[in-house]
Every structure is written in structure tokens, then in C-alpha cells.
């Protein structure tokens, strides 16, 4: 059972991160679910639609629709699985990689401008140190 102090910090952090996430997503040009798929393929390489569904914690049917939309936009390609002819692998296309980088750049660009405009040097230093803590919490 967490202490009242830890519970209060957790609630405030969740609220602040939710607001920040929604604000950063405001500039998105690619729907969040599709960006998540592109990001997974960028990080982990080619995957089957089933593996992508498991990775994103969605139903395979939902992932099949998302992959279909990405294929239509030429953001991903499909190729034969090297060991199982019944399966195919989905991978990031050059256009998909460029779109993902542009999306990431927009998000990071907005956030960098906000950090520069709104935070003091001391606050920026504190925020930089806090990112390591947030990363640690995200991986526990």
C-alpha cells in the first residue's frame, strides 16, 4: 500500500502527463494508433500482424485494419515470413520512416519550444534530471 505522499505524487504526475500528452498530440498528423505501430516497427523491426497486435495490446482484427490503412498510405510494406509461408511480416517503408521522423520532430519541436519559453534555467536542469526518473518508472 503506497503512502499518502506517494499516492498524491502519483495522482499529480498522472494528471500532468495526461495534459502534456494531449497537448503534444494536438499537432499530430498521423492518428495515434498508427504512429504507435510505426514506432514499434521502427524500434523492433519487422513483425507479423499478430505480433504487432500483442505488442500494442489490441485485437488482431483491429491491428489488421490499422496495418491495412498503413499499407494504403505506403507507410509499411508486407513481405513473406522467412520460415513460415503462411505468415507475412509487416515492416516500415522509407515513406513510413520519414513520416514517423516528421511526427516525432513536430512533437519534440513543440515541446522544446515550450521548455525554452516557459522554464527557467534551473527548472530545465531539474526537468532534465527528472527524465531519467520517469524512464525508470516506465520500465519497472
N, C-alpha and C. Protein backbone atom coordinates (compact mmCIF):
# COMPACT_ATOMS: atom_id res chain seq x y z
N UNK A 1 0.85 -1.18 0.00
CA UNK A 1 0.00 0.00 0.00
C UNK A 1 0.90 1.24 0.00
N UNK A 2 0.72 2.11 -1.00
CA UNK A 2 1.56 3.31 -1.05
C UNK A 2 1.22 4.29 0.06
N UNK A 3 2.22 5.08 0.41
CA UNK A 3 2.00 6.12 1.41
C UNK A 3 1.10 7.21 0.81
N UNK A 4 0.46 8.01 1.66
CA UNK A 4 -0.36 9.11 1.12
C UNK A 4 0.47 10.07 0.25
N UNK A 5 1.72 10.31 0.63
CA UNK A 5 2.58 11.20 -0.15
C UNK A 5 2.83 10.63 -1.55
N UNK A 6 3.16 9.32 -1.63
CA UNK A 6 3.40 8.68 -2.93
C UNK A 6 2.13 8.68 -3.77
N UNK A 7 0.99 8.43 -3.13
CA UNK A 7 -0.29 8.42 -3.85
C UNK A 7 -0.60 9.81 -4.42
N UNK A 8 -0.33 10.85 -3.66
CA UNK A 8 -0.59 12.23 -4.13
C UNK A 8 0.34 12.58 -5.29
N UNK A 9 1.62 12.21 -5.17
CA UNK A 9 2.57 12.46 -6.26
C UNK A 9 2.12 11.72 -7.51
N UNK A 10 1.71 10.47 -7.35
CA UNK A 10 1.27 9.66 -8.49
C UNK A 10 0.06 10.30 -9.17
N UNK A 11 -0.89 10.78 -8.41
CA UNK A 11 -2.08 11.40 -8.98
C UNK A 11 -1.72 12.68 -9.73
N UNK A 12 -0.88 13.51 -9.12
CA UNK A 12 -0.47 14.75 -9.78
C UNK A 12 0.33 14.47 -11.04
N UNK A 13 1.22 13.49 -10.98
CA UNK A 13 2.05 13.14 -12.14
C UNK A 13 1.18 12.60 -13.28
N UNK A 14 0.24 11.73 -12.95
CA UNK A 14 -0.66 11.18 -13.97
C UNK A 14 -1.45 12.29 -14.64
N UNK A 15 -1.97 13.22 -13.86
CA UNK A 15 -2.74 14.34 -14.41
C UNK A 15 -1.86 15.22 -15.31
N UNK A 16 -0.69 15.58 -14.84
CA UNK A 16 0.21 16.44 -15.61
C UNK A 16 0.66 15.76 -16.90
N UNK A 17 0.99 14.47 -16.81
CA UNK A 17 1.44 13.75 -18.00
C UNK A 17 0.31 13.59 -19.00
N UNK A 18 -0.90 13.39 -18.51
CA UNK A 18 -2.06 13.30 -19.40
C UNK A 18 -2.27 14.60 -20.16
N UNK A 19 -2.20 15.72 -19.45
CA UNK A 19 -2.35 17.03 -20.10
C UNK A 19 -1.24 17.27 -21.12
N UNK A 20 -0.01 16.96 -20.73
CA UNK A 20 1.12 17.16 -21.63
C UNK A 20 1.00 16.28 -22.86
N UNK A 21 0.61 15.03 -22.68
CA UNK A 21 0.45 14.11 -23.80
C UNK A 21 -0.63 14.61 -24.76
N UNK A 22 -1.75 15.04 -24.21
CA UNK A 22 -2.83 15.56 -25.07
C UNK A 22 -2.37 16.81 -25.82
N UNK A 23 -1.60 17.66 -25.17
CA UNK A 23 -1.12 18.89 -25.83
C UNK A 23 -0.13 18.55 -26.94
N UNK A 24 0.76 17.63 -26.70
CA UNK A 24 1.74 17.24 -27.72
C UNK A 24 1.03 16.58 -28.90
N UNK A 25 0.03 15.76 -28.63
CA UNK A 25 -0.72 15.07 -29.68
C UNK A 25 -1.54 16.02 -30.53
N UNK A 26 -1.79 17.20 -30.02
CA UNK A 26 -2.61 18.18 -30.74
C UNK A 26 -2.05 18.48 -32.13
N UNK A 27 -0.73 18.43 -32.27
CA UNK A 27 -0.09 18.73 -33.56
C UNK A 27 0.09 17.50 -34.44
N UNK A 28 -0.37 16.35 -33.98
CA UNK A 28 -0.19 15.11 -34.76
C UNK A 28 -0.90 15.17 -36.10
N UNK A 29 -0.28 14.60 -37.10
CA UNK A 29 -0.91 14.48 -38.42
C UNK A 29 -1.26 13.03 -38.73
N UNK A 30 -0.65 12.12 -38.00
CA UNK A 30 -0.94 10.69 -38.17
C UNK A 30 -1.66 10.25 -36.90
N UNK A 31 -2.78 9.52 -37.02
CA UNK A 31 -3.50 9.07 -35.82
C UNK A 31 -2.59 8.29 -34.86
N UNK A 32 -2.86 8.47 -33.58
CA UNK A 32 -2.02 7.89 -32.53
C UNK A 32 -1.78 6.40 -32.70
N UNK A 33 -2.83 5.63 -32.99
CA UNK A 33 -2.67 4.18 -33.14
C UNK A 33 -1.72 3.83 -34.27
N UNK A 34 -1.79 4.58 -35.36
CA UNK A 34 -0.90 4.32 -36.48
C UNK A 34 0.54 4.71 -36.15
N UNK A 35 0.71 5.83 -35.45
CA UNK A 35 2.05 6.24 -35.03
C UNK A 35 2.65 5.19 -34.10
N UNK A 36 1.83 4.62 -33.24
CA UNK A 36 2.31 3.59 -32.31
C UNK A 36 2.81 2.38 -33.08
N UNK A 37 2.10 1.98 -34.13
CA UNK A 37 2.52 0.84 -34.95
C UNK A 37 3.82 1.16 -35.66
N UNK A 38 3.90 2.34 -36.26
CA UNK A 38 5.13 2.74 -36.94
C UNK A 38 6.30 2.77 -35.97
N UNK A 39 6.05 3.28 -34.77
CA UNK A 39 7.11 3.33 -33.76
C UNK A 39 7.57 1.95 -33.34
N UNK A 40 6.64 1.02 -33.18
CA UNK A 40 7.00 -0.35 -32.82
C UNK A 40 7.85 -0.99 -33.91
N UNK A 41 7.46 -0.78 -35.17
CA UNK A 41 8.24 -1.34 -36.27
C UNK A 41 9.61 -0.70 -36.36
N UNK A 42 9.70 0.57 -36.05
CA UNK A 42 10.99 1.26 -36.05
C UNK A 42 11.89 0.73 -34.95
N UNK A 43 11.34 0.53 -33.77
CA UNK A 43 12.12 0.04 -32.63
C UNK A 43 12.49 -1.43 -32.75
N UNK A 44 11.51 -2.25 -33.15
CA UNK A 44 11.68 -3.70 -33.05
C UNK A 44 11.87 -4.40 -34.39
N UNK A 45 11.71 -3.69 -35.48
CA UNK A 45 11.85 -4.31 -36.80
C UNK A 45 10.58 -4.99 -37.25
N UNK A 46 10.68 -5.71 -38.35
CA UNK A 46 9.52 -6.35 -38.97
C UNK A 46 8.84 -7.32 -38.00
N UNK A 47 7.50 -7.36 -38.07
CA UNK A 47 6.70 -8.24 -37.21
C UNK A 47 5.48 -8.72 -37.97
N UNK A 48 4.92 -9.80 -37.50
CA UNK A 48 3.64 -10.25 -38.04
C UNK A 48 2.55 -9.34 -37.47
N UNK A 49 1.40 -9.35 -38.11
CA UNK A 49 0.27 -8.57 -37.61
C UNK A 49 -0.11 -9.03 -36.22
N UNK A 50 -0.04 -10.34 -35.98
CA UNK A 50 -0.36 -10.87 -34.64
C UNK A 50 0.62 -10.37 -33.60
N UNK A 51 1.90 -10.34 -33.95
CA UNK A 51 2.90 -9.84 -33.00
C UNK A 51 2.68 -8.35 -32.72
N UNK A 52 2.34 -7.61 -33.76
CA UNK A 52 2.04 -6.19 -33.56
C UNK A 52 0.83 -6.00 -32.65
N UNK A 53 -0.19 -6.82 -32.85
CA UNK A 53 -1.39 -6.73 -32.01
C UNK A 53 -1.03 -7.01 -30.55
N UNK A 54 -0.23 -8.03 -30.32
CA UNK A 54 0.19 -8.35 -28.95
C UNK A 54 1.02 -7.21 -28.37
N UNK A 55 1.92 -6.67 -29.18
CA UNK A 55 2.79 -5.58 -28.73
C UNK A 55 1.97 -4.35 -28.34
N UNK A 56 0.94 -4.04 -29.11
CA UNK A 56 0.13 -2.86 -28.87
C UNK A 56 -1.08 -3.15 -27.98
N UNK A 57 -1.24 -4.41 -27.59
CA UNK A 57 -2.34 -4.83 -26.72
C UNK A 57 -3.71 -4.52 -27.33
N UNK A 58 -3.85 -4.90 -28.60
CA UNK A 58 -5.15 -4.77 -29.28
C UNK A 58 -5.50 -6.10 -29.92
N UNK A 59 -6.74 -6.23 -30.35
CA UNK A 59 -7.17 -7.46 -31.01
C UNK A 59 -6.51 -7.57 -32.38
N UNK A 60 -6.21 -8.78 -32.82
CA UNK A 60 -5.61 -8.96 -34.15
C UNK A 60 -6.44 -8.33 -35.26
N UNK A 61 -7.78 -8.38 -35.15
CA UNK A 61 -8.64 -7.78 -36.17
C UNK A 61 -8.43 -6.27 -36.25
N UNK A 62 -8.29 -5.63 -35.09
CA UNK A 62 -8.05 -4.18 -35.05
C UNK A 62 -6.70 -3.85 -35.67
N UNK A 63 -5.71 -4.67 -35.37
CA UNK A 63 -4.38 -4.44 -35.93
C UNK A 63 -4.38 -4.66 -37.44
N UNK A 64 -5.13 -5.65 -37.89
CA UNK A 64 -5.21 -5.90 -39.34
C UNK A 64 -5.77 -4.67 -40.06
N UNK A 65 -6.76 -4.01 -39.46
CA UNK A 65 -7.32 -2.78 -40.05
C UNK A 65 -6.27 -1.67 -40.06
N UNK A 66 -5.56 -1.51 -38.95
CA UNK A 66 -4.54 -0.46 -38.86
C UNK A 66 -3.44 -0.70 -39.88
N UNK A 67 -2.99 -1.95 -40.00
CA UNK A 67 -1.95 -2.29 -40.97
C UNK A 67 -2.46 -2.04 -42.38
N UNK A 68 -3.72 -2.36 -42.64
CA UNK A 68 -4.31 -2.11 -43.96
C UNK A 68 -4.27 -0.63 -44.31
N UNK A 69 -4.60 0.23 -43.36
CA UNK A 69 -4.55 1.67 -43.60
C UNK A 69 -3.12 2.14 -43.85
N UNK A 70 -2.19 1.60 -43.10
CA UNK A 70 -0.78 1.98 -43.29
C UNK A 70 -0.26 1.49 -44.64
N UNK A 71 -0.71 0.32 -45.07
CA UNK A 71 -0.33 -0.20 -46.39
C UNK A 71 -0.87 0.71 -47.49
N UNK A 72 -2.13 1.14 -47.35
CA UNK A 72 -2.74 2.03 -48.34
C UNK A 72 -1.97 3.34 -48.48
N UNK A 73 -1.39 3.79 -47.38
CA UNK A 73 -0.64 5.05 -47.38
C UNK A 73 0.83 4.84 -47.73
N UNK A 74 1.20 3.59 -48.00
CA UNK A 74 2.59 3.23 -48.30
C UNK A 74 3.56 3.53 -47.16
N UNK A 75 3.05 3.49 -45.93
CA UNK A 75 3.90 3.73 -44.76
C UNK A 75 4.53 2.44 -44.25
N UNK A 76 3.95 1.30 -44.64
CA UNK A 76 4.53 -0.01 -44.32
C UNK A 76 4.47 -0.88 -45.58
N UNK A 77 5.25 -1.92 -45.56
CA UNK A 77 5.22 -2.92 -46.63
C UNK A 77 5.02 -4.28 -45.99
N UNK A 78 4.65 -5.22 -46.82
CA UNK A 78 4.45 -6.60 -46.35
C UNK A 78 5.36 -7.50 -47.19
N UNK A 79 6.00 -8.45 -46.51
CA UNK A 79 6.83 -9.43 -47.21
C UNK A 79 6.63 -10.80 -46.59
N UNK A 80 7.04 -11.81 -47.32
CA UNK A 80 6.87 -13.18 -46.85
C UNK A 80 7.72 -13.42 -45.59
N UNK A 81 7.16 -14.21 -44.69
CA UNK A 81 7.90 -14.62 -43.49
C UNK A 81 8.99 -15.58 -43.92
N UNK A 82 10.20 -15.45 -43.41
CA UNK A 82 11.30 -16.30 -43.89
C UNK A 82 11.18 -17.78 -43.53
N UNK A 83 10.45 -18.10 -42.45
CA UNK A 83 10.38 -19.50 -42.03
C UNK A 83 8.98 -20.11 -42.06
N UNK A 84 7.97 -19.28 -42.21
CA UNK A 84 6.60 -19.79 -42.19
C UNK A 84 5.83 -19.15 -43.35
N UNK A 85 5.60 -19.92 -44.40
CA UNK A 85 4.96 -19.40 -45.61
C UNK A 85 3.53 -18.94 -45.39
N UNK A 86 2.91 -19.37 -44.29
CA UNK A 86 1.54 -18.96 -44.00
C UNK A 86 1.47 -17.54 -43.45
N UNK A 87 2.59 -17.00 -43.02
CA UNK A 87 2.62 -15.69 -42.39
C UNK A 87 3.33 -14.68 -43.28
N UNK A 88 3.09 -13.42 -42.97
CA UNK A 88 3.85 -12.35 -43.63
C UNK A 88 4.32 -11.38 -42.56
N UNK A 89 5.36 -10.66 -42.90
CA UNK A 89 5.92 -9.67 -42.00
C UNK A 89 5.57 -8.27 -42.49
N UNK A 90 5.26 -7.41 -41.56
CA UNK A 90 5.00 -6.01 -41.85
C UNK A 90 6.25 -5.26 -41.44
N UNK A 91 6.70 -4.36 -42.32
CA UNK A 91 7.87 -3.57 -41.96
C UNK A 91 7.70 -2.13 -42.40
N UNK A 92 8.43 -1.26 -41.77
CA UNK A 92 8.39 0.16 -42.06
C UNK A 92 8.96 0.42 -43.44
N UNK A 93 8.25 1.20 -44.24
CA UNK A 93 8.77 1.59 -45.56
C UNK A 93 9.61 2.87 -45.38
N UNK A 94 10.31 3.25 -46.42
CA UNK A 94 11.07 4.50 -46.36
C UNK A 94 10.13 5.68 -46.10
N UNK A 95 8.96 5.66 -46.75
CA UNK A 95 7.98 6.73 -46.53
C UNK A 95 7.46 6.70 -45.10
N UNK A 96 7.28 5.51 -44.54
CA UNK A 96 6.83 5.37 -43.16
C UNK A 96 7.87 5.90 -42.18
N UNK A 97 9.12 5.60 -42.46
CA UNK A 97 10.20 6.09 -41.60
C UNK A 97 10.25 7.62 -41.65
N UNK A 98 10.11 8.19 -42.84
CA UNK A 98 10.13 9.64 -42.98
C UNK A 98 8.94 10.28 -42.27
N UNK A 99 7.75 9.68 -42.41
CA UNK A 99 6.55 10.21 -41.74
C UNK A 99 6.69 10.13 -40.23
N UNK A 100 7.24 9.02 -39.74
CA UNK A 100 7.44 8.86 -38.30
C UNK A 100 8.43 9.88 -37.77
N UNK A 101 9.52 10.08 -38.48
CA UNK A 101 10.52 11.07 -38.06
C UNK A 101 9.92 12.47 -38.06
N UNK A 102 9.12 12.78 -39.07
CA UNK A 102 8.47 14.10 -39.13
C UNK A 102 7.52 14.28 -37.95
N UNK A 103 6.76 13.23 -37.62
CA UNK A 103 5.83 13.29 -36.49
C UNK A 103 6.58 13.48 -35.18
N UNK A 104 7.64 12.71 -35.01
CA UNK A 104 8.46 12.85 -33.80
C UNK A 104 9.08 14.25 -33.73
N UNK A 105 9.52 14.74 -34.87
CA UNK A 105 10.12 16.07 -34.91
C UNK A 105 9.13 17.15 -34.51
N UNK A 106 7.88 17.04 -34.99
CA UNK A 106 6.85 18.01 -34.63
C UNK A 106 6.60 17.98 -33.11
N UNK A 107 6.48 16.78 -32.59
CA UNK A 107 6.23 16.65 -31.14
C UNK A 107 7.39 17.23 -30.33
N UNK A 108 8.59 16.79 -30.66
CA UNK A 108 9.76 17.24 -29.91
C UNK A 108 9.98 18.74 -30.12
N UNK A 109 9.71 19.23 -31.32
CA UNK A 109 9.89 20.65 -31.59
C UNK A 109 8.98 21.51 -30.75
N UNK A 110 7.70 21.12 -30.68
CA UNK A 110 6.77 21.89 -29.85
C UNK A 110 7.22 21.86 -28.40
N UNK A 111 7.59 20.67 -27.92
CA UNK A 111 7.98 20.54 -26.52
C UNK A 111 9.25 21.32 -26.23
N UNK A 112 10.22 21.29 -27.13
CA UNK A 112 11.47 22.04 -26.93
C UNK A 112 11.17 23.54 -26.86
N UNK A 113 10.29 24.02 -27.73
CA UNK A 113 9.93 25.45 -27.70
C UNK A 113 9.25 25.81 -26.39
N UNK A 114 8.37 24.95 -25.92
CA UNK A 114 7.67 25.21 -24.66
C UNK A 114 8.65 25.21 -23.48
N UNK A 115 9.59 24.27 -23.47
CA UNK A 115 10.60 24.21 -22.41
C UNK A 115 11.42 25.49 -22.41
N UNK A 116 11.85 25.91 -23.57
CA UNK A 116 12.66 27.11 -23.70
C UNK A 116 11.90 28.37 -23.28
N UNK A 117 10.64 28.45 -23.68
CA UNK A 117 9.85 29.65 -23.41
C UNK A 117 9.32 29.73 -21.98
N UNK A 118 9.01 28.58 -21.39
CA UNK A 118 8.29 28.58 -20.12
C UNK A 118 9.14 28.29 -18.89
N UNK A 119 10.29 27.65 -19.07
CA UNK A 119 11.06 27.21 -17.90
C UNK A 119 12.34 28.03 -17.73
N UNK A 120 12.69 28.23 -16.48
CA UNK A 120 13.96 28.90 -16.17
C UNK A 120 15.09 27.90 -16.38
N UNK A 121 16.32 28.40 -16.34
CA UNK A 121 17.48 27.51 -16.47
C UNK A 121 17.47 26.45 -15.37
N UNK A 122 17.14 26.87 -14.16
CA UNK A 122 17.10 25.93 -13.03
C UNK A 122 16.01 24.87 -13.25
N UNK A 123 14.85 25.29 -13.73
CA UNK A 123 13.76 24.35 -13.99
C UNK A 123 14.13 23.38 -15.11
N UNK A 124 14.81 23.86 -16.14
CA UNK A 124 15.26 22.98 -17.23
C UNK A 124 16.22 21.92 -16.71
N UNK A 125 17.12 22.33 -15.82
CA UNK A 125 18.06 21.37 -15.23
C UNK A 125 17.31 20.32 -14.42
N UNK A 126 16.34 20.76 -13.64
CA UNK A 126 15.54 19.84 -12.85
C UNK A 126 14.75 18.88 -13.75
N UNK A 127 14.17 19.43 -14.83
CA UNK A 127 13.41 18.59 -15.76
C UNK A 127 14.32 17.56 -16.43
N UNK A 128 15.51 17.97 -16.81
CA UNK A 128 16.46 17.04 -17.43
C UNK A 128 16.80 15.90 -16.48
N UNK A 129 16.99 16.22 -15.22
CA UNK A 129 17.27 15.17 -14.23
C UNK A 129 16.05 14.28 -14.00
N UNK A 130 14.87 14.85 -14.11
CA UNK A 130 13.63 14.09 -13.87
C UNK A 130 13.34 13.08 -14.97
N UNK A 131 13.81 13.33 -16.18
CA UNK A 131 13.51 12.40 -17.27
C UNK A 131 14.07 11.02 -16.98
N UNK A 132 15.23 10.95 -16.35
CA UNK A 132 15.80 9.64 -16.00
C UNK A 132 14.90 8.91 -14.99
N UNK A 133 14.34 9.66 -14.06
CA UNK A 133 13.43 9.05 -13.10
C UNK A 133 12.16 8.54 -13.77
N UNK A 134 11.62 9.35 -14.68
CA UNK A 134 10.41 8.94 -15.40
C UNK A 134 10.68 7.70 -16.25
N UNK A 135 11.82 7.67 -16.89
CA UNK A 135 12.20 6.49 -17.69
C UNK A 135 12.29 5.26 -16.79
N UNK A 136 12.87 5.42 -15.62
CA UNK A 136 12.99 4.29 -14.69
C UNK A 136 11.62 3.80 -14.26
N UNK A 137 10.70 4.73 -13.98
CA UNK A 137 9.35 4.34 -13.60
C UNK A 137 8.63 3.62 -14.78
N UNK A 138 8.89 4.08 -15.97
CA UNK A 138 8.23 3.49 -17.16
C UNK A 138 8.68 2.06 -17.41
N UNK A 139 9.85 1.69 -16.93
CA UNK A 139 10.37 0.36 -17.21
C UNK A 139 10.26 -0.60 -16.03
N UNK A 140 9.62 -0.16 -14.92
CA UNK A 140 9.54 -1.09 -13.77
C UNK A 140 8.31 -1.96 -13.84
